[in-house]
C-alpha atoms as a PDB file:
ATOM      1  CA  MET A   1      95.253 112.001  87.737  1.00  0.00           C
ATOM      2  CA  TYR A   2      93.510 110.750  90.832  1.00  0.00           C
ATOM      3  CA  PHE A   3      93.392 107.193  92.144  1.00  0.00           C
ATOM      4  CA  GLU A   4      91.861 105.599  95.226  1.00  0.00           C
ATOM      5  CA  GLU A   5      93.634 102.804  97.086  1.00  0.00           C
ATOM      6  CA  VAL A   6      92.010 100.475  99.626  1.00  0.00           C
ATOM      7  CA  ASP A   7      95.388  99.601 101.200  1.00  0.00           C
ATOM      8  CA  PHE A   8      96.900 103.089 101.409  1.00  0.00           C
ATOM      9  CA  ASP A   9      99.601 102.042 103.894  1.00  0.00           C
ATOM     10  CA  GLY A  10     100.640  99.140 101.646  1.00  0.00           C
ATOM     11  CA  PHE A  11     100.779 101.484  98.662  1.00  0.00           C
ATOM     12  CA  ILE A  12     103.006 103.901 100.571  1.00  0.00           C
ATOM     13  CA  LEU A  13     105.348 101.048 101.513  1.00  0.00           C
ATOM     14  CA  LYS A  14     105.664 100.106  97.837  1.00  0.00           C
ATOM     15  CA  ILE A  15     106.382 103.600  96.544  1.00  0.00           C
ATOM     16  CA  ASN A  16     108.859 104.207  99.369  1.00  0.00           C
ATOM     17  CA  ASP A  17     111.001 101.513  97.704  1.00  0.00           C
ATOM     18  CA  ILE A  18     111.265 103.692  94.578  1.00  0.00           C
ATOM     19  CA  ALA A  19     114.232 106.000  95.103  1.00  0.00           C
ATOM     20  CA  ASP A  20     113.502 108.590  92.434  1.00  0.00           C
ATOM     21  CA  ILE A  21     109.907 109.556  93.331  1.00  0.00           C
ATOM     22  CA  ASN A  22     109.498 113.328  93.133  1.00  0.00           C
ATOM     23  CA  TYR A  23     106.775 114.270  95.633  1.00  0.00           C
ATOM     24  CA  VAL A  24     104.548 117.319  95.292  1.00  0.00           C
ATOM     25  CA  HIS A  25     103.983 116.943  99.042  1.00  0.00           C
ATOM     26  CA  PRO A  26     104.245 114.172 101.626  1.00  0.00           C
ATOM     27  CA  ILE A  27     101.200 112.363 103.024  1.00  0.00           C
ATOM     28  CA  VAL A  28      98.486 114.769 104.127  1.00  0.00           C
ATOM     29  CA  GLU A  29      95.613 113.763 106.402  1.00  0.00           C
ATOM     30  CA  HIS A  30      92.528 115.911 105.957  1.00  0.00           C
ATOM     31  CA  SER A  31      90.244 116.817 108.862  1.00  0.00           C
ATOM     32  CA  TRP A  32      87.679 114.234 107.654  1.00  0.00           C
ATOM     33  CA  GLY A  33      90.300 111.448 107.841  1.00  0.00           C
ATOM     34  CA  GLN A  34      91.191 111.003 104.171  1.00  0.00           C
ATOM     35  CA  ARG A  35      94.918 110.645 103.540  1.00  0.00           C
ATOM     36  CA  VAL A  36      96.474 111.652 100.228  1.00  0.00           C
ATOM     37  CA  VAL A  37      99.891 111.797  98.659  1.00  0.00           C
ATOM     38  CA  ARG A  38     100.819 113.631  95.469  1.00  0.00           C
ATOM     39  CA  PHE A  39     103.810 112.955  93.270  1.00  0.00           C
ATOM     40  CA  TYR A  40     104.948 113.470  89.679  1.00  0.00           C
ATOM     41  CA  ASP A  41     104.916 110.738  87.051  1.00  0.00           C
ATOM     42  CA  PRO A  42     107.868 110.495  84.614  1.00  0.00           C
ATOM     43  CA  ASP A  43     106.154 113.013  82.289  1.00  0.00           C
ATOM     44  CA  LYS A  44     105.718 115.487  85.178  1.00  0.00           C
ATOM     45  CA  HIS A  45     101.953 114.985  85.517  1.00  0.00           C
ATOM     46  CA  ILE A  46     100.668 115.106  89.092  1.00  0.00           C
ATOM     47  CA  ILE A  47      99.350 111.822  90.471  1.00  0.00           C
ATOM     48  CA  GLU A  48      97.186 111.856  93.602  1.00  0.00           C
ATOM     49  CA  VAL A  49      96.400 108.734  95.598  1.00  0.00           C
END
């Protein structure tokens, strides 16, 4: 699943408070400036924000 977030930094602060997040990879900044993070939901689906 893919989601867009206007306040990406605020979102990251909120998920950093969740101890058991299993990340696919940390924050990545693409050459065009878009930042993304990927992690698994409880059912092991990949979520991208």
